């Protein structure tokens, strides 16, 4: 990411994140999940999609994603209780 141009629009931000999610990068999975969780960057709010992305990042050992997924699990958001 350090050599990629900084996104200037929300659409470019989401596009960059999705490209990095497709590469399997945990930080991008976590960031895109947060955008879905909060309905940011023009994305619809979706706790279910956020939980799926957090789970992918957690599988790679991302501690921030573990915490965020724990919040969704604790509150029954996007996951079965």
PDB file of N, CA and C in Angstrom:
ATOM      1  N   UNK A   1       0.813  -1.184   0.000  1.00  0.00           N
ATOM      2  CA  UNK A   1       0.000   0.000   0.000  1.00  0.00           C
ATOM      3  C   UNK A   1       0.863   1.257   0.000  1.00  0.00           C
ATOM      4  N   UNK A   2       2.034   1.212   0.536  1.00  0.00           N
ATOM      5  CA  UNK A   2       2.835   2.418   0.678  1.00  0.00           C
ATOM      6  C   UNK A   2       3.185   3.044  -0.668  1.00  0.00           C
ATOM      7  N   UNK A   3       3.174   2.286  -1.744  1.00  0.00           N
ATOM      8  CA  UNK A   3       3.507   2.844  -3.045  1.00  0.00           C
ATOM      9  C   UNK A   3       2.285   3.113  -3.901  1.00  0.00           C
ATOM     10  N   UNK A   4       1.121   2.856  -3.365  1.00  0.00           N
ATOM     11  CA  UNK A   4      -0.110   3.137  -4.089  1.00  0.00           C
ATOM     12  C   UNK A   4      -0.507   4.588  -3.852  1.00  0.00           C
ATOM     13  N   UNK A   5      -1.130   5.216  -4.830  1.00  0.00           N
ATOM     14  CA  UNK A   5      -1.593   6.588  -4.617  1.00  0.00           C
ATOM     15  C   UNK A   5      -2.684   6.620  -3.550  1.00  0.00           C
ATOM     16  N   UNK A   6      -2.726   7.706  -2.816  1.00  0.00           N
ATOM     17  CA  UNK A   6      -3.739   7.860  -1.779  1.00  0.00           C
ATOM     18  C   UNK A   6      -5.096   8.063  -2.450  1.00  0.00           C
ATOM     19  N   UNK A   7      -6.102   7.271  -2.047  1.00  0.00           N
ATOM     20  CA  UNK A   7      -7.424   7.425  -2.656  1.00  0.00           C
ATOM     21  C   UNK A   7      -7.992   8.814  -2.354  1.00  0.00           C
ATOM     22  N   UNK A   8      -8.615   9.407  -3.354  1.00  0.00           N
ATOM     23  CA  UNK A   8      -9.171  10.744  -3.190  1.00  0.00           C
ATOM     24  C   UNK A   8     -10.679  10.728  -2.945  1.00  0.00           C
ATOM     25  N   UNK A   9     -11.329   9.623  -3.267  1.00  0.00           N
ATOM     26  CA  UNK A   9     -12.775   9.520  -3.079  1.00  0.00           C
ATOM     27  C   UNK A   9     -13.101   8.269  -2.268  1.00  0.00           C
ATOM     28  N   UNK A  10     -14.321   8.233  -1.768  1.00  0.00           N
ATOM     29  CA  UNK A  10     -14.777   7.057  -1.020  1.00  0.00           C
ATOM     30  C   UNK A  10     -14.784   5.826  -1.919  1.00  0.00           C
ATOM     31  N   UNK A  11     -15.200   6.030  -3.165  1.00  0.00           N
ATOM     32  CA  UNK A  11     -15.243   4.918  -4.121  1.00  0.00           C
ATOM     33  C   UNK A  11     -13.846   4.351  -4.358  1.00  0.00           C
ATOM     34  N   UNK A  12     -12.848   5.210  -4.481  1.00  0.00           N
ATOM     35  CA  UNK A  12     -11.460   4.764  -4.666  1.00  0.00           C
ATOM     36  C   UNK A  12     -10.959   4.037  -3.419  1.00  0.00           C
ATOM     37  N   UNK A  13     -11.354   4.534  -2.252  1.00  0.00           N
ATOM     38  CA  UNK A  13     -10.951   3.892  -0.996  1.00  0.00           C
ATOM     39  C   UNK A  13     -11.482   2.466  -0.933  1.00  0.00           C
ATOM     40  N   UNK A  14     -12.766   2.304  -1.227  1.00  0.00           N
ATOM     41  CA  UNK A  14     -13.385   0.978  -1.194  1.00  0.00           C
ATOM     42  C   UNK A  14     -12.756   0.069  -2.240  1.00  0.00           C
ATOM     43  N   UNK A  15     -12.499   0.610  -3.413  1.00  0.00           N
ATOM     44  CA  UNK A  15     -11.878  -0.175  -4.484  1.00  0.00           C
ATOM     45  C   UNK A  15     -10.494  -0.663  -4.076  1.00  0.00           C
ATOM     46  N   UNK A  16      -9.695   0.214  -3.465  1.00  0.00           N
ATOM     47  CA  UNK A  16      -8.356  -0.166  -3.007  1.00  0.00           C
ATOM     48  C   UNK A  16      -8.436  -1.241  -1.921  1.00  0.00           C
ATOM     49  N   UNK A  17      -9.374  -1.049  -0.976  1.00  0.00           N
ATOM     50  CA  UNK A  17      -9.522  -2.035   0.095  1.00  0.00           C
ATOM     51  C   UNK A  17      -9.940  -3.389  -0.466  1.00  0.00           C
ATOM     52  N   UNK A  18     -10.893  -3.402  -1.388  1.00  0.00           N
ATOM     53  CA  UNK A  18     -11.350  -4.675  -1.973  1.00  0.00           C
ATOM     54  C   UNK A  18     -10.215  -5.378  -2.712  1.00  0.00           C
ATOM     55  N   UNK A  19      -9.390  -4.616  -3.418  1.00  0.00           N
ATOM     56  CA  UNK A  19      -8.256  -5.212  -4.124  1.00  0.00           C
ATOM     57  C   UNK A  19      -7.296  -5.861  -3.135  1.00  0.00           C
ATOM     58  N   UNK A  20      -7.082  -5.219  -1.986  1.00  0.00           N
ATOM     59  CA  UNK A  20      -6.185  -5.776  -0.983  1.00  0.00           C
ATOM     60  C   UNK A  20      -6.828  -6.922  -0.206  1.00  0.00           C
ATOM     61  N   UNK A  21      -8.148  -6.888  -0.059  1.00  0.00           N
ATOM     62  CA  UNK A  21      -8.862  -8.025   0.546  1.00  0.00           C
ATOM     63  C   UNK A  21      -8.699  -9.241  -0.356  1.00  0.00           C
ATOM     64  N   UNK A  22      -8.809  -9.035  -1.667  1.00  0.00           N
ATOM     65  CA  UNK A  22      -8.644 -10.136  -2.625  1.00  0.00           C
ATOM     66  C   UNK A  22      -7.238 -10.735  -2.551  1.00  0.00           C
ATOM     67  N   UNK A  23      -6.269  -9.942  -2.120  1.00  0.00           N
ATOM     68  CA  UNK A  23      -4.895 -10.433  -1.943  1.00  0.00           C
ATOM     69  C   UNK A  23      -4.731 -11.155  -0.607  1.00  0.00           C
ATOM     70  N   UNK A  24      -5.768 -11.108   0.240  1.00  0.00           N
ATOM     71  CA  UNK A  24      -5.722 -11.804   1.519  1.00  0.00           C
ATOM     72  C   UNK A  24      -5.031 -11.027   2.620  1.00  0.00           C
ATOM     73  N   UNK A  25      -4.993  -9.705   2.516  1.00  0.00           N
ATOM     74  CA  UNK A  25      -4.309  -8.891   3.517  1.00  0.00           C
ATOM     75  C   UNK A  25      -5.236  -8.600   4.691  1.00  0.00           C
ATOM     76  N   UNK A  26      -4.799  -8.994   5.895  1.00  0.00           N
ATOM     77  CA  UNK A  26      -5.637  -8.879   7.087  1.00  0.00           C
ATOM     78  C   UNK A  26      -6.014  -7.436   7.401  1.00  0.00           C
ATOM     79  N   UNK A  27      -5.086  -6.497   7.242  1.00  0.00           N
ATOM     80  CA  UNK A  27      -5.398  -5.108   7.576  1.00  0.00           C
ATOM     81  C   UNK A  27      -6.524  -4.578   6.692  1.00  0.00           C
ATOM     82  N   UNK A  28      -6.544  -4.980   5.424  1.00  0.00           N
ATOM     83  CA  UNK A  28      -7.586  -4.524   4.508  1.00  0.00           C
ATOM     84  C   UNK A  28      -8.923  -5.172   4.859  1.00  0.00           C
ATOM     85  N   UNK A  29      -8.894  -6.441   5.249  1.00  0.00           N
ATOM     86  CA  UNK A  29     -10.109  -7.127   5.671  1.00  0.00           C
ATOM     87  C   UNK A  29     -10.711  -6.409   6.879  1.00  0.00           C
ATOM     88  N   UNK A  30      -9.851  -6.036   7.820  1.00  0.00           N
ATOM     89  CA  UNK A  30     -10.305  -5.342   9.028  1.00  0.00           C
ATOM     90  C   UNK A  30     -10.874  -3.961   8.690  1.00  0.00           C
ATOM     91  N   UNK A  31     -10.203  -3.224   7.826  1.00  0.00           N
ATOM     92  CA  UNK A  31     -10.659  -1.888   7.465  1.00  0.00           C
ATOM     93  C   UNK A  31     -12.000  -1.940   6.713  1.00  0.00           C
ATOM     94  N   UNK A  32     -12.104  -2.845   5.756  1.00  0.00           N
ATOM     95  CA  UNK A  32     -13.351  -2.959   4.999  1.00  0.00           C
ATOM     96  C   UNK A  32     -14.484  -3.425   5.913  1.00  0.00           C
ATOM     97  N   UNK A  33     -14.173  -4.313   6.841  1.00  0.00           N
ATOM     98  CA  UNK A  33     -15.176  -4.768   7.808  1.00  0.00           C
ATOM     99  C   UNK A  33     -15.691  -3.603   8.637  1.00  0.00           C
ATOM    100  N   UNK A  34     -14.794  -2.738   9.077  1.00  0.00           N
ATOM    101  CA  UNK A  34     -15.209  -1.568   9.852  1.00  0.00           C
ATOM    102  C   UNK A  34     -16.103  -0.643   9.049  1.00  0.00           C
ATOM    103  N   UNK A  35     -15.809  -0.514   7.765  1.00  0.00           N
ATOM    104  CA  UNK A  35     -16.651   0.320   6.909  1.00  0.00           C
ATOM    105  C   UNK A  35     -18.049  -0.281   6.763  1.00  0.00           C
ATOM    106  N   UNK A  36     -18.135  -1.602   6.632  1.00  0.00           N
ATOM    107  CA  UNK A  36     -19.446  -2.259   6.574  1.00  0.00           C
ATOM    108  C   UNK A  36     -20.159  -2.157   7.924  1.00  0.00           C
ATOM    109  N   UNK A  37     -19.425  -2.360   8.997  1.00  0.00           N
ATOM    110  CA  UNK A  37     -20.028  -2.309  10.337  1.00  0.00           C
ATOM    111  C   UNK A  37     -20.685  -0.948  10.593  1.00  0.00           C
ATOM    112  N   UNK A  38     -20.008   0.127  10.180  1.00  0.00           N
ATOM    113  CA  UNK A  38     -20.493   1.469  10.470  1.00  0.00           C
ATOM    114  C   UNK A  38     -21.234   2.120   9.304  1.00  0.00           C
ATOM    115  N   UNK A  39     -21.260   1.465   8.150  1.00  0.00           N
ATOM    116  CA  UNK A  39     -21.907   2.045   6.978  1.00  0.00           C
ATOM    117  C   UNK A  39     -21.159   3.255   6.448  1.00  0.00           C
ATOM    118  N   UNK A  40     -19.833   3.180   6.428  1.00  0.00           N
ATOM    119  CA  UNK A  40     -19.001   4.293   5.957  1.00  0.00           C
ATOM    120  C   UNK A  40     -18.602   4.098   4.501  1.00  0.00           C
ATOM    121  N   UNK A  41     -18.053   5.148   3.933  1.00  0.00           N
ATOM    122  CA  UNK A  41     -17.504   5.144   2.562  1.00  0.00           C
ATOM    123  C   UNK A  41     -18.540   4.731   1.517  1.00  0.00           C
ATOM    124  N   UNK A  42     -19.792   5.057   1.773  1.00  0.00           N
ATOM    125  CA  UNK A  42     -20.838   4.753   0.807  1.00  0.00           C
ATOM    126  C   UNK A  42     -21.307   3.311   0.813  1.00  0.00           C
ATOM    127  N   UNK A  43     -20.813   2.515   1.747  1.00  0.00           N
ATOM    128  CA  UNK A  43     -21.240   1.114   1.843  1.00  0.00           C
ATOM    129  C   UNK A  43     -22.473   1.007   2.731  1.00  0.00           C
ATOM    130  N   UNK A  44     -23.357   0.079   2.431  1.00  0.00           N
ATOM    131  CA  UNK A  44     -24.507  -0.112   3.315  1.00  0.00           C
ATOM    132  C   UNK A  44     -24.045  -0.760   4.619  1.00  0.00           C
ATOM    133  N   UNK A  45     -24.688  -0.409   5.708  1.00  0.00           N
ATOM    134  CA  UNK A  45     -24.326  -1.033   6.974  1.00  0.00           C
ATOM    135  C   UNK A  45     -24.721  -2.499   6.931  1.00  0.00           C
ATOM    136  N   UNK A  46     -23.757  -3.376   7.220  1.00  0.00           N
ATOM    137  CA  UNK A  46     -24.005  -4.815   7.204  1.00  0.00           C
ATOM    138  C   UNK A  46     -23.120  -5.475   8.250  1.00  0.00           C
ATOM    139  N   UNK A  47     -23.738  -5.801   9.385  1.00  0.00           N
ATOM    140  CA  UNK A  47     -22.980  -6.481  10.436  1.00  0.00           C
ATOM    141  C   UNK A  47     -22.572  -7.884   9.990  1.00  0.00           C
ATOM    142  N   UNK A  48     -23.401  -8.506   9.173  1.00  0.00           N
ATOM    143  CA  UNK A  48     -23.092  -9.855   8.692  1.00  0.00           C
ATOM    144  C   UNK A  48     -21.825  -9.845   7.830  1.00  0.00           C
ATOM    145  N   UNK A  49     -21.736  -8.913   6.889  1.00  0.00           N
ATOM    146  CA  UNK A  49     -20.556  -8.812   6.022  1.00  0.00           C
ATOM    147  C   UNK A  49     -19.337  -8.424   6.856  1.00  0.00           C
ATOM    148  N   UNK A  50     -19.532  -7.534   7.826  1.00  0.00           N
ATOM    149  CA  UNK A  50     -18.431  -7.136   8.706  1.00  0.00           C
ATOM    150  C   UNK A  50     -17.896  -8.350   9.466  1.00  0.00           C
ATOM    151  N   UNK A  51     -18.794  -9.164  10.003  1.00  0.00           N
ATOM    152  CA  UNK A  51     -18.373 -10.345  10.759  1.00  0.00           C
ATOM    153  C   UNK A  51     -17.583 -11.306   9.876  1.00  0.00           C
ATOM    154  N   UNK A  52     -18.026 -11.487   8.630  1.00  0.00           N
ATOM    155  CA  UNK A  52     -17.303 -12.384   7.710  1.00  0.00           C
ATOM    156  C   UNK A  52     -15.889 -11.881   7.452  1.00  0.00           C
ATOM    157  N   UNK A  53     -15.759 -10.583   7.225  1.00  0.00           N
ATOM    158  CA  UNK A  53     -14.432 -10.017   6.960  1.00  0.00           C
ATOM    159  C   UNK A  53     -13.548 -10.055   8.207  1.00  0.00           C
ATOM    160  N   UNK A  54     -14.136  -9.748   9.368  1.00  0.00           N
ATOM    161  CA  UNK A  54     -13.361  -9.839  10.611  1.00  0.00           C
ATOM    162  C   UNK A  54     -12.870 -11.267  10.831  1.00  0.00           C
ATOM    163  N   UNK A  55     -13.718 -12.251  10.545  1.00  0.00           N
ATOM    164  CA  UNK A  55     -13.313 -13.651  10.722  1.00  0.00           C
ATOM    165  C   UNK A  55     -12.113 -13.998   9.843  1.00  0.00           C
ATOM    166  N   UNK A  56     -12.076 -13.458   8.623  1.00  0.00           N
ATOM    167  CA  UNK A  56     -10.933 -13.702   7.746  1.00  0.00           C
ATOM    168  C   UNK A  56      -9.658 -13.113   8.345  1.00  0.00           C
ATOM    169  N   UNK A  57      -9.763 -11.900   8.889  1.00  0.00           N
ATOM    170  CA  UNK A  57      -8.596 -11.251   9.486  1.00  0.00           C
ATOM    171  C   UNK A  57      -8.171 -11.957  10.769  1.00  0.00           C
ATOM    172  N   UNK A  58      -9.145 -12.412  11.546  1.00  0.00           N
ATOM    173  CA  UNK A  58      -8.849 -13.128  12.789  1.00  0.00           C
ATOM    174  C   UNK A  58      -8.086 -14.413  12.480  1.00  0.00           C
ATOM    175  N   UNK A  59      -8.457 -15.092  11.409  1.00  0.00           N
ATOM    176  CA  UNK A  59      -7.777 -16.333  11.023  1.00  0.00           C
ATOM    177  C   UNK A  59      -6.295 -16.100  10.752  1.00  0.00           C
ATOM    178  N   UNK A  60      -5.941 -14.844  10.466  1.00  0.00           N
ATOM    179  CA  UNK A  60      -4.542 -14.500  10.223  1.00  0.00           C
ATOM    180  C   UNK A  60      -3.882 -13.902  11.467  1.00  0.00           C
ATOM    181  N   UNK A  61      -4.622 -13.858  12.584  1.00  0.00           N
ATOM    182  CA  UNK A  61      -4.047 -13.403  13.841  1.00  0.00           C
ATOM    183  C   UNK A  61      -4.129 -11.907  14.084  1.00  0.00           C
ATOM    184  N   UNK A  62      -5.000 -11.199  13.389  1.00  0.00           N
ATOM    185  CA  UNK A  62      -5.134  -9.753  13.573  1.00  0.00           C
ATOM    186  C   UNK A  62      -5.849  -9.469  14.901  1.00  0.00           C
ATOM    187  N   UNK A  63      -5.135  -8.889  15.855  1.00  0.00           N
ATOM    188  CA  UNK A  63      -5.677  -8.653  17.188  1.00  0.00           C
ATOM    189  C   UNK A  63      -6.808  -7.629  17.189  1.00  0.00           C
ATOM    190  N   UNK A  64      -6.712  -6.598  16.372  1.00  0.00           N
ATOM    191  CA  UNK A  64      -7.780  -5.596  16.314  1.00  0.00           C
ATOM    192  C   UNK A  64      -9.062  -6.216  15.762  1.00  0.00           C
ATOM    193  N   UNK A  65      -8.921  -7.091  14.790  1.00  0.00           N
ATOM    194  CA  UNK A  65     -10.088  -7.778  14.233  1.00  0.00           C
ATOM    195  C   UNK A  65     -10.693  -8.714  15.275  1.00  0.00           C
ATOM    196  N   UNK A  66      -9.863  -9.338  16.093  1.00  0.00           N
ATOM    197  CA  UNK A  66     -10.366 -10.210  17.158  1.00  0.00           C
ATOM    198  C   UNK A  66     -11.247  -9.418  18.108  1.00  0.00           C
ATOM    199  N   UNK A  67     -10.783  -8.239  18.482  1.00  0.00           N
ATOM    200  CA  UNK A  67     -11.550  -7.390  19.384  1.00  0.00           C
ATOM    201  C   UNK A  67     -12.870  -6.959  18.748  1.00  0.00           C
ATOM    202  N   UNK A  68     -12.820  -6.538  17.504  1.00  0.00           N
ATOM    203  CA  UNK A  68     -14.030  -6.081  16.817  1.00  0.00           C
ATOM    204  C   UNK A  68     -15.024  -7.217  16.601  1.00  0.00           C
ATOM    205  N   UNK A  69     -14.523  -8.395  16.247  1.00  0.00           N
ATOM    206  CA  UNK A  69     -15.400  -9.554  16.087  1.00  0.00           C
ATOM    207  C   UNK A  69     -16.018  -9.926  17.432  1.00  0.00           C
ATOM    208  N   UNK A  70     -15.236  -9.831  18.491  1.00  0.00           N
ATOM    209  CA  UNK A  70     -15.756 -10.104  19.833  1.00  0.00           C
ATOM    210  C   UNK A  70     -16.916  -9.197  20.189  1.00  0.00           C
ATOM    211  N   UNK A  71     -16.820  -7.923  19.808  1.00  0.00           N
ATOM    212  CA  UNK A  71     -17.913  -6.981  20.050  1.00  0.00           C
ATOM    213  C   UNK A  71     -19.175  -7.420  19.311  1.00  0.00           C
ATOM    214  N   UNK A  72     -19.018  -7.814  18.040  1.00  0.00           N
ATOM    215  CA  UNK A  72     -20.181  -8.269  17.274  1.00  0.00           C
ATOM    216  C   UNK A  72     -20.784  -9.525  17.899  1.00  0.00           C
ATOM    217  N   UNK A  73     -19.929 -10.446  18.318  1.00  0.00           N
ATOM    218  CA  UNK A  73     -20.411 -11.687  18.940  1.00  0.00           C
ATOM    219  C   UNK A  73     -21.133 -11.397  20.255  1.00  0.00           C
ATOM    220  N   UNK A  74     -20.551 -10.532  21.062  1.00  0.00           N
ATOM    221  CA  UNK A  74     -21.142 -10.208  22.360  1.00  0.00           C
ATOM    222  C   UNK A  74     -22.529  -9.596  22.211  1.00  0.00           C
ATOM    223  N   UNK A  75     -22.701  -8.796  21.178  1.00  0.00           N
ATOM    224  CA  UNK A  75     -23.959  -8.083  20.985  1.00  0.00           C
ATOM    225  C   UNK A  75     -24.897  -8.750  19.973  1.00  0.00           C
ATOM    226  N   UNK A  76     -24.479  -9.894  19.428  1.00  0.00           N
ATOM    227  CA  UNK A  76     -25.333 -10.626  18.489  1.00  0.00           C
ATOM    228  C   UNK A  76     -25.574  -9.881  17.192  1.00  0.00           C
ATOM    229  N   UNK A  77     -24.576  -9.135  16.738  1.00  0.00           N
ATOM    230  CA  UNK A  77     -24.711  -8.346  15.511  1.00  0.00           C
ATOM    231  C   UNK A  77     -24.088  -9.085  14.331  1.00  0.00           C
ATOM    232  N   UNK A  78     -24.901  -9.500  13.386  1.00  0.00           N
ATOM    233  CA  UNK A  78     -24.406 -10.169  12.190  1.00  0.00           C
ATOM    234  C   UNK A  78     -23.993 -11.617  12.386  1.00  0.00           C
ATOM    235  N   UNK A  79     -24.226 -12.142  13.573  1.00  0.00           N
ATOM    236  CA  UNK A  79     -23.848 -13.528  13.893  1.00  0.00           C
ATOM    237  C   UNK A  79     -24.975 -14.150  14.704  1.00  0.00           C
ATOM    238  N   UNK A  80     -24.978 -15.449  14.743  1.00  0.00           N
ATOM    239  CA  UNK A  80     -25.971 -16.147  15.581  1.00  0.00           C
ATOM    240  C   UNK A  80     -25.484 -16.137  17.012  1.00  0.00           C
ATOM    241  N   UNK A  81     -26.410 -15.901  17.908  1.00  0.00           N
ATOM    242  CA  UNK A  81     -26.064 -15.914  19.335  1.00  0.00           C
ATOM    243  C   UNK A  81     -26.007 -17.308  19.842  1.00  0.00           C
TER     244      UNK A  81
END
